[in-house]
Amino acid sequence: MRVAAVRLAKAAWVAAVVSGVAVYGWYRARTVYARPVVKSSLEVFRGASRGGQLLGAGRDTIVLFCDYRCPHCAQLYTALDSALSHNPEWLTVRVRHFVPAAPEARSFQIALAAECAAKQGLFEEFSEWTYRNVGGADEFAPSEAAYAIGVASVAEFESCVASPATGSLVIEDIKTASELGVPGTPTIFTRRYKIVGALPVARLKAFASVR
């Protein structure tokens, strides 16, 4: 009996390790660590800037392609949000989506909800709540997010999530990211640089200030 229990515990431990490795592998495939900054162009930056939701109100702007299930995006967003909460004019961040182009994918569903939160003036609140509470979870309920951030009409929010027009916004972001050669999330464009991965926000600000 004791031997059987030990074997069962060992099997459970192995299964947990394998599951953990699989989850890490999924994240590693969808996200990238900081790599050397490469030069880009004003034309590319302008292309990246056609769309998205805005955070902050600074003179310098970055375009951030992200995925709400990406841990490095969460790290970067938290740092940017903290900096902007102290000084909204420190930087402007244009947020766009780069997620699997499949409407049934969790990341795609979250991106839809983000656009619908933006329509009710709650994009920042949605982003903060989602990065804190969703992460790599397999389940996402738009209604739960709607109640959590206090949307005026949950029914309107859910209708927006199901709307083909909202899906078109997300698809347009994905299309733009693909055309610009975005390899993973987070990827940032400034007027003169393309940055793949999460960098300290002070360095992002320095790159954004180059005109």
C-alpha atoms as a PDB file:
ATOM      1  CA  MET A   1       0.000   0.000   0.000  1.00  0.00           C
ATOM      2  CA  ARG A   2       2.792   2.397   0.941  1.00  0.00           C
ATOM      3  CA  VAL A   3       4.756   1.563  -2.227  1.00  0.00           C
ATOM      4  CA  ALA A   4       1.660   2.218  -4.340  1.00  0.00           C
ATOM      5  CA  ALA A   5       1.150   5.574  -2.628  1.00  0.00           C
ATOM      6  CA  VAL A   6       4.759   6.567  -3.262  1.00  0.00           C
ATOM      7  CA  ARG A   7       4.459   5.600  -6.917  1.00  0.00           C
ATOM      8  CA  LEU A   8       1.235   7.584  -7.239  1.00  0.00           C
ATOM      9  CA  ALA A   9       2.830  10.660  -5.650  1.00  0.00           C
ATOM     10  CA  LYS A  10       5.852  10.346  -7.934  1.00  0.00           C
ATOM     11  CA  ALA A  11       3.599  10.060 -10.988  1.00  0.00           C
ATOM     12  CA  ALA A  12       1.693  13.176  -9.907  1.00  0.00           C
ATOM     13  CA  TRP A  13       4.958  15.072  -9.428  1.00  0.00           C
ATOM     14  CA  VAL A  14       6.206  14.072 -12.895  1.00  0.00           C
ATOM     15  CA  ALA A  15       2.884  15.117 -14.433  1.00  0.00           C
ATOM     16  CA  ALA A  16       3.131  18.501 -12.714  1.00  0.00           C
ATOM     17  CA  VAL A  17       6.678  19.006 -13.986  1.00  0.00           C
ATOM     18  CA  VAL A  18       5.695  18.057 -17.533  1.00  0.00           C
ATOM     19  CA  SER A  19       2.697  20.373 -17.367  1.00  0.00           C
ATOM     20  CA  GLY A  20       4.876  23.205 -16.094  1.00  0.00           C
ATOM     21  CA  VAL A  21       7.395  22.684 -18.886  1.00  0.00           C
ATOM     22  CA  ALA A  22       4.584  22.692 -21.453  1.00  0.00           C
ATOM     23  CA  VAL A  23       3.155  25.945 -20.114  1.00  0.00           C
ATOM     24  CA  TYR A  24       6.592  27.563 -20.077  1.00  0.00           C
ATOM     25  CA  GLY A  25       7.188  26.384 -23.630  1.00  0.00           C
ATOM     26  CA  TRP A  26       3.928  27.959 -24.764  1.00  0.00           C
ATOM     27  CA  TYR A  27       4.856  31.271 -23.151  1.00  0.00           C
ATOM     28  CA  ARG A  28       8.386  31.140 -24.565  1.00  0.00           C
ATOM     29  CA  ALA A  29       6.990  30.569 -28.062  1.00  0.00           C
ATOM     30  CA  ARG A  30       4.644  33.534 -27.765  1.00  0.00           C
ATOM     31  CA  THR A  31       7.009  35.965 -26.053  1.00  0.00           C
ATOM     32  CA  VAL A  32      10.547  37.189 -26.514  1.00  0.00           C
ATOM     33  CA  TYR A  33      13.213  38.455 -24.202  1.00  0.00           C
ATOM     34  CA  ALA A  34      14.894  41.785 -24.788  1.00  0.00           C
ATOM     35  CA  ARG A  35      17.220  41.719 -27.777  1.00  0.00           C
ATOM     36  CA  PRO A  36      19.475  44.388 -29.242  1.00  0.00           C
ATOM     37  CA  VAL A  37      17.596  47.389 -30.552  1.00  0.00           C
ATOM     38  CA  VAL A  38      17.551  47.703 -34.333  1.00  0.00           C
ATOM     39  CA  LYS A  39      17.198  50.867 -36.363  1.00  0.00           C
ATOM     40  CA  SER A  40      13.881  51.519 -38.021  1.00  0.00           C
ATOM     41  CA  SER A  41      12.375  54.440 -39.925  1.00  0.00           C
ATOM     42  CA  LEU A  42       9.822  57.181 -39.527  1.00  0.00           C
ATOM     43  CA  GLU A  43       7.780  55.571 -42.304  1.00  0.00           C
ATOM     44  CA  VAL A  44       7.578  52.291 -40.389  1.00  0.00           C
ATOM     45  CA  PHE A  45       6.645  54.153 -37.201  1.00  0.00           C
ATOM     46  CA  ARG A  46       3.837  55.953 -38.995  1.00  0.00           C
ATOM     47  CA  GLY A  47       2.541  52.642 -40.316  1.00  0.00           C
ATOM     48  CA  ALA A  48       2.584  51.172 -36.821  1.00  0.00           C
ATOM     49  CA  SER A  49       0.745  54.228 -35.484  1.00  0.00           C
ATOM     50  CA  ARG A  50      -2.404  53.792 -37.585  1.00  0.00           C
ATOM     51  CA  GLY A  51      -4.674  52.424 -34.879  1.00  0.00           C
ATOM     52  CA  GLY A  52      -4.557  51.316 -31.282  1.00  0.00           C
ATOM     53  CA  GLN A  53      -5.507  52.742 -27.901  1.00  0.00           C
ATOM     54  CA  LEU A  54      -3.624  55.552 -26.189  1.00  0.00           C
ATOM     55  CA  LEU A  55      -2.138  55.756 -22.727  1.00  0.00           C
ATOM     56  CA  GLY A  56      -0.464  58.911 -21.456  1.00  0.00           C
ATOM     57  CA  ALA A  57      -0.194  62.277 -23.158  1.00  0.00           C
ATOM     58  CA  GLY A  58       3.501  62.839 -23.750  1.00  0.00           C
ATOM     59  CA  ARG A  59       5.296  64.532 -26.629  1.00  0.00           C
ATOM     60  CA  ASP A  60       7.236  61.332 -27.368  1.00  0.00           C
ATOM     61  CA  THR A  61       5.330  58.244 -28.502  1.00  0.00           C
ATOM     62  CA  ILE A  62       5.955  54.518 -28.661  1.00  0.00           C
ATOM     63  CA  VAL A  63       3.785  51.892 -30.343  1.00  0.00           C
ATOM     64  CA  LEU A  64       3.476  48.713 -28.292  1.00  0.00           C
ATOM     65  CA  PHE A  65       2.333  45.435 -29.856  1.00  0.00           C
ATOM     66  CA  CYS A  66       1.288  43.122 -27.039  1.00  0.00           C
ATOM     67  CA  ASP A  67      -0.715  40.112 -25.882  1.00  0.00           C
ATOM     68  CA  TYR A  68      -2.540  40.194 -22.541  1.00  0.00           C
ATOM     69  CA  ARG A  69      -1.437  36.603 -21.852  1.00  0.00           C
ATOM     70  CA  CYS A  70       2.233  37.464 -22.353  1.00  0.00           C
ATOM     71  CA  PRO A  71       4.156  37.670 -19.033  1.00  0.00           C
ATOM     72  CA  HIS A  72       6.771  40.065 -20.440  1.00  0.00           C
ATOM     73  CA  CYS A  73       3.989  42.342 -21.672  1.00  0.00           C
ATOM     74  CA  ALA A  74       2.513  42.358 -18.181  1.00  0.00           C
ATOM     75  CA  GLN A  75       5.901  43.302 -16.720  1.00  0.00           C
ATOM     76  CA  LEU A  76       6.383  46.105 -19.223  1.00  0.00           C
ATOM     77  CA  TYR A  77       2.823  47.403 -18.930  1.00  0.00           C
ATOM     78  CA  THR A  78       3.061  47.558 -15.143  1.00  0.00           C
ATOM     79  CA  ALA A  79       6.254  49.607 -15.361  1.00  0.00           C
ATOM     80  CA  LEU A  80       4.793  51.962 -17.977  1.00  0.00           C
ATOM     81  CA  ASP A  81       1.561  52.372 -16.025  1.00  0.00           C
ATOM     82  CA  SER A  82       3.503  53.239 -12.879  1.00  0.00           C
ATOM     83  CA  ALA A  83       5.564  55.869 -14.715  1.00  0.00           C
ATOM     84  CA  LEU A  84       2.498  57.394 -16.372  1.00  0.00           C
ATOM     85  CA  SER A  85       0.513  57.482 -13.133  1.00  0.00           C
ATOM     86  CA  HIS A  86       3.168  59.818 -11.726  1.00  0.00           C
ATOM     87  CA  ASN A  87       3.425  61.922 -14.877  1.00  0.00           C
ATOM     88  CA  PRO A  88       0.954  61.355 -17.758  1.00  0.00           C
ATOM     89  CA  GLU A  89       2.980  63.696 -19.973  1.00  0.00           C
ATOM     90  CA  TRP A  90       6.119  61.561 -19.612  1.00  0.00           C
ATOM     91  CA  LEU A  91       5.238  59.451 -22.676  1.00  0.00           C
ATOM     92  CA  THR A  92       2.416  58.446 -25.004  1.00  0.00           C
ATOM     93  CA  VAL A  93       1.939  54.712 -25.477  1.00  0.00           C
ATOM     94  CA  ARG A  94      -0.132  53.499 -28.432  1.00  0.00           C
ATOM     95  CA  VAL A  95      -1.220  49.960 -27.603  1.00  0.00           C
ATOM     96  CA  ARG A  96      -1.986  47.457 -30.385  1.00  0.00           C
ATOM     97  CA  HIS A  97      -2.658  43.719 -30.384  1.00  0.00           C
ATOM     98  CA  PHE A  98      -0.500  40.902 -31.691  1.00  0.00           C
ATOM     99  CA  VAL A  99      -2.329  37.668 -30.919  1.00  0.00           C
ATOM    100  CA  PRO A 100      -3.207  34.437 -32.757  1.00  0.00           C
ATOM    101  CA  ALA A 101      -5.559  35.297 -35.636  1.00  0.00           C
ATOM    102  CA  ALA A 102      -8.198  32.844 -34.455  1.00  0.00           C
ATOM    103  CA  PRO A 103     -11.445  34.207 -32.950  1.00  0.00           C
ATOM    104  CA  GLU A 104     -11.686  31.223 -30.589  1.00  0.00           C
ATOM    105  CA  ALA A 105      -8.203  31.851 -29.123  1.00  0.00           C
ATOM    106  CA  ARG A 106      -8.169  33.229 -25.574  1.00  0.00           C
ATOM    107  CA  SER A 107      -5.749  36.018 -26.507  1.00  0.00           C
ATOM    108  CA  PHE A 108      -8.009  37.085 -29.368  1.00  0.00           C
ATOM    109  CA  GLN A 109     -11.060  37.118 -27.069  1.00  0.00           C
ATOM    110  CA  ILE A 110      -9.215  39.270 -24.541  1.00  0.00           C
ATOM    111  CA  ALA A 111      -8.157  41.678 -27.296  1.00  0.00           C
ATOM    112  CA  LEU A 112     -11.821  42.004 -28.344  1.00  0.00           C
ATOM    113  CA  ALA A 113     -12.794  42.804 -24.769  1.00  0.00           C
ATOM    114  CA  ALA A 114     -10.020  45.411 -24.542  1.00  0.00           C
ATOM    115  CA  GLU A 115     -11.403  47.213 -27.596  1.00  0.00           C
ATOM    116  CA  CYS A 116     -14.897  47.147 -26.108  1.00  0.00           C
ATOM    117  CA  ALA A 117     -13.642  48.485 -22.788  1.00  0.00           C
ATOM    118  CA  ALA A 118     -11.986  51.309 -24.732  1.00  0.00           C
ATOM    119  CA  LYS A 119     -15.349  52.210 -26.291  1.00  0.00           C
ATOM    120  CA  GLN A 120     -16.652  52.813 -22.768  1.00  0.00           C
ATOM    121  CA  GLY A 121     -13.572  54.792 -21.754  1.00  0.00           C
ATOM    122  CA  LEU A 122     -12.153  51.989 -19.616  1.00  0.00           C
ATOM    123  CA  PHE A 123      -9.194  50.712 -21.595  1.00  0.00           C
ATOM    124  CA  GLU A 124      -6.635  51.506 -18.897  1.00  0.00           C
ATOM    125  CA  GLU A 125      -8.803  49.935 -16.192  1.00  0.00           C
ATOM    126  CA  PHE A 126      -9.331  46.840 -18.320  1.00  0.00           C
ATOM    127  CA  SER A 127      -5.620  46.489 -19.016  1.00  0.00           C
ATOM    128  CA  GLU A 128      -4.675  46.780 -15.352  1.00  0.00           C
ATOM    129  CA  TRP A 129      -7.307  44.253 -14.256  1.00  0.00           C
ATOM    130  CA  THR A 130      -6.515  41.771 -17.026  1.00  0.00           C
ATOM    131  CA  TYR A 131      -2.750  41.775 -16.567  1.00  0.00           C
ATOM    132  CA  ARG A 132      -3.275  41.192 -12.845  1.00  0.00           C
ATOM    133  CA  ASN A 133      -5.959  38.527 -13.049  1.00  0.00           C
ATOM    134  CA  VAL A 134      -5.835  36.671 -16.358  1.00  0.00           C
ATOM    135  CA  GLY A 135      -2.243  36.098 -17.480  1.00  0.00           C
ATOM    136  CA  GLY A 136      -1.775  32.613 -18.926  1.00  0.00           C
ATOM    137  CA  ALA A 137      -5.112  31.297 -17.655  1.00  0.00           C
ATOM    138  CA  ASP A 138      -7.042  29.130 -20.099  1.00  0.00           C
ATOM    139  CA  GLU A 139     -10.391  30.673 -19.185  1.00  0.00           C
ATOM    140  CA  PHE A 140     -11.565  34.210 -19.824  1.00  0.00           C
ATOM    141  CA  ALA A 141     -15.086  35.511 -19.297  1.00  0.00           C
ATOM    142  CA  PRO A 142     -15.755  38.953 -20.834  1.00  0.00           C
ATOM    143  CA  SER A 143     -18.667  39.481 -18.448  1.00  0.00           C
ATOM    144  CA  GLU A 144     -16.385  38.962 -15.432  1.00  0.00           C
ATOM    145  CA  ALA A 145     -13.997  41.606 -16.751  1.00  0.00           C
ATOM    146  CA  ALA A 146     -16.919  43.934 -17.474  1.00  0.00           C
ATOM    147  CA  TYR A 147     -18.247  43.700 -13.913  1.00  0.00           C
ATOM    148  CA  ALA A 148     -14.752  44.034 -12.443  1.00  0.00           C
ATOM    149  CA  ILE A 149     -13.951  47.308 -14.217  1.00  0.00           C
ATOM    150  CA  GLY A 150     -17.448  48.742 -13.823  1.00  0.00           C
ATOM    151  CA  VAL A 151     -18.715  49.137 -17.386  1.00  0.00           C
ATOM    152  CA  ALA A 152     -21.924  51.119 -17.739  1.00  0.00           C
ATOM    153  CA  SER A 153     -23.688  48.323 -19.629  1.00  0.00           C
ATOM    154  CA  VAL A 154     -22.535  44.707 -19.458  1.00  0.00           C
ATOM    155  CA  ALA A 155     -25.025  43.744 -22.178  1.00  0.00           C
ATOM    156  CA  GLU A 156     -23.606  46.408 -24.493  1.00  0.00           C
ATOM    157  CA  PHE A 157     -20.084  45.246 -23.663  1.00  0.00           C
ATOM    158  CA  GLU A 158     -20.871  41.612 -24.489  1.00  0.00           C
ATOM    159  CA  SER A 159     -22.607  42.650 -27.713  1.00  0.00           C
ATOM    160  CA  CYS A 160     -19.504  44.612 -28.677  1.00  0.00           C
ATOM    161  CA  VAL A 161     -17.250  41.597 -28.013  1.00  0.00           C
ATOM    162  CA  ALA A 162     -19.401  39.505 -30.370  1.00  0.00           C
ATOM    163  CA  SER A 163     -19.480  42.170 -33.083  1.00  0.00           C
ATOM    164  CA  PRO A 164     -17.629  41.476 -36.373  1.00  0.00           C
ATOM    165  CA  ALA A 165     -16.616  45.146 -36.405  1.00  0.00           C
ATOM    166  CA  THR A 166     -14.632  44.645 -33.193  1.00  0.00           C
ATOM    167  CA  GLY A 167     -13.014  41.554 -34.651  1.00  0.00           C
ATOM    168  CA  SER A 168     -11.945  43.599 -37.657  1.00  0.00           C
ATOM    169  CA  LEU A 169     -10.078  46.019 -35.373  1.00  0.00           C
ATOM    170  CA  VAL A 170      -8.071  43.197 -33.834  1.00  0.00           C
ATOM    171  CA  ILE A 171      -7.405  41.570 -37.211  1.00  0.00           C
ATOM    172  CA  GLU A 172      -6.133  44.907 -38.526  1.00  0.00           C
ATOM    173  CA  ASP A 173      -3.644  45.099 -35.657  1.00  0.00           C
ATOM    174  CA  ILE A 174      -2.444  41.550 -36.361  1.00  0.00           C
ATOM    175  CA  LYS A 175      -2.137  42.305 -40.076  1.00  0.00           C
ATOM    176  CA  THR A 176      -0.115  45.452 -39.427  1.00  0.00           C
ATOM    177  CA  ALA A 177       2.169  43.634 -36.986  1.00  0.00           C
ATOM    178  CA  SER A 178       2.804  40.897 -39.542  1.00  0.00           C
ATOM    179  CA  GLU A 179       3.553  43.431 -42.291  1.00  0.00           C
ATOM    180  CA  LEU A 180       6.044  45.181 -40.003  1.00  0.00           C
ATOM    181  CA  GLY A 181       7.811  41.927 -39.152  1.00  0.00           C
ATOM    182  CA  VAL A 182       6.813  41.779 -35.500  1.00  0.00           C
ATOM    183  CA  PRO A 183       8.330  38.475 -34.246  1.00  0.00           C
ATOM    184  CA  GLY A 184       6.636  38.250 -30.854  1.00  0.00           C
ATOM    185  CA  THR A 185       5.430  40.227 -27.865  1.00  0.00           C
ATOM    186  CA  PRO A 186       6.203  42.749 -26.639  1.00  0.00           C
ATOM    187  CA  THR A 187       7.540  44.601 -29.668  1.00  0.00           C
ATOM    188  CA  ILE A 188       7.913  48.384 -29.573  1.00  0.00           C
ATOM    189  CA  PHE A 189       8.347  50.913 -32.363  1.00  0.00           C
ATOM    190  CA  THR A 190       9.671  54.419 -31.866  1.00  0.00           C
ATOM    191  CA  ARG A 191      10.286  57.012 -34.544  1.00  0.00           C
ATOM    192  CA  ARG A 192      13.737  55.551 -35.248  1.00  0.00           C
ATOM    193  CA  TYR A 193      13.931  52.140 -33.588  1.00  0.00           C
ATOM    194  CA  LYS A 194      12.321  48.709 -33.351  1.00  0.00           C
ATOM    195  CA  ILE A 195      12.713  47.064 -29.945  1.00  0.00           C
ATOM    196  CA  VAL A 196      11.891  43.400 -29.455  1.00  0.00           C
ATOM    197  CA  GLY A 197      11.315  42.475 -25.821  1.00  0.00           C
ATOM    198  CA  ALA A 198      10.811  44.266 -22.536  1.00  0.00           C
ATOM    199  CA  LEU A 199      13.325  47.001 -21.765  1.00  0.00           C
ATOM    200  CA  PRO A 200      13.446  49.266 -18.690  1.00  0.00           C
ATOM    201  CA  VAL A 201      11.037  52.143 -19.275  1.00  0.00           C
ATOM    202  CA  ALA A 202      13.782  54.751 -18.897  1.00  0.00           C
ATOM    203  CA  ARG A 203      15.575  53.229 -21.894  1.00  0.00           C
ATOM    204  CA  LEU A 204      12.336  53.149 -23.885  1.00  0.00           C
ATOM    205  CA  LYS A 205      11.850  56.821 -23.118  1.00  0.00           C
ATOM    206  CA  ALA A 206      15.374  57.579 -24.313  1.00  0.00           C
ATOM    207  CA  PHE A 207      14.810  55.756 -27.607  1.00  0.00           C
ATOM    208  CA  ALA A 208      11.427  57.442 -28.034  1.00  0.00           C
ATOM    209  CA  SER A 209      12.987  60.881 -27.667  1.00  0.00           C
ATOM    210  CA  VAL A 210      15.251  60.351 -30.700  1.00  0.00           C
ATOM    211  CA  ARG A 211      13.691  62.277 -33.551  1.00  0.00           C
END
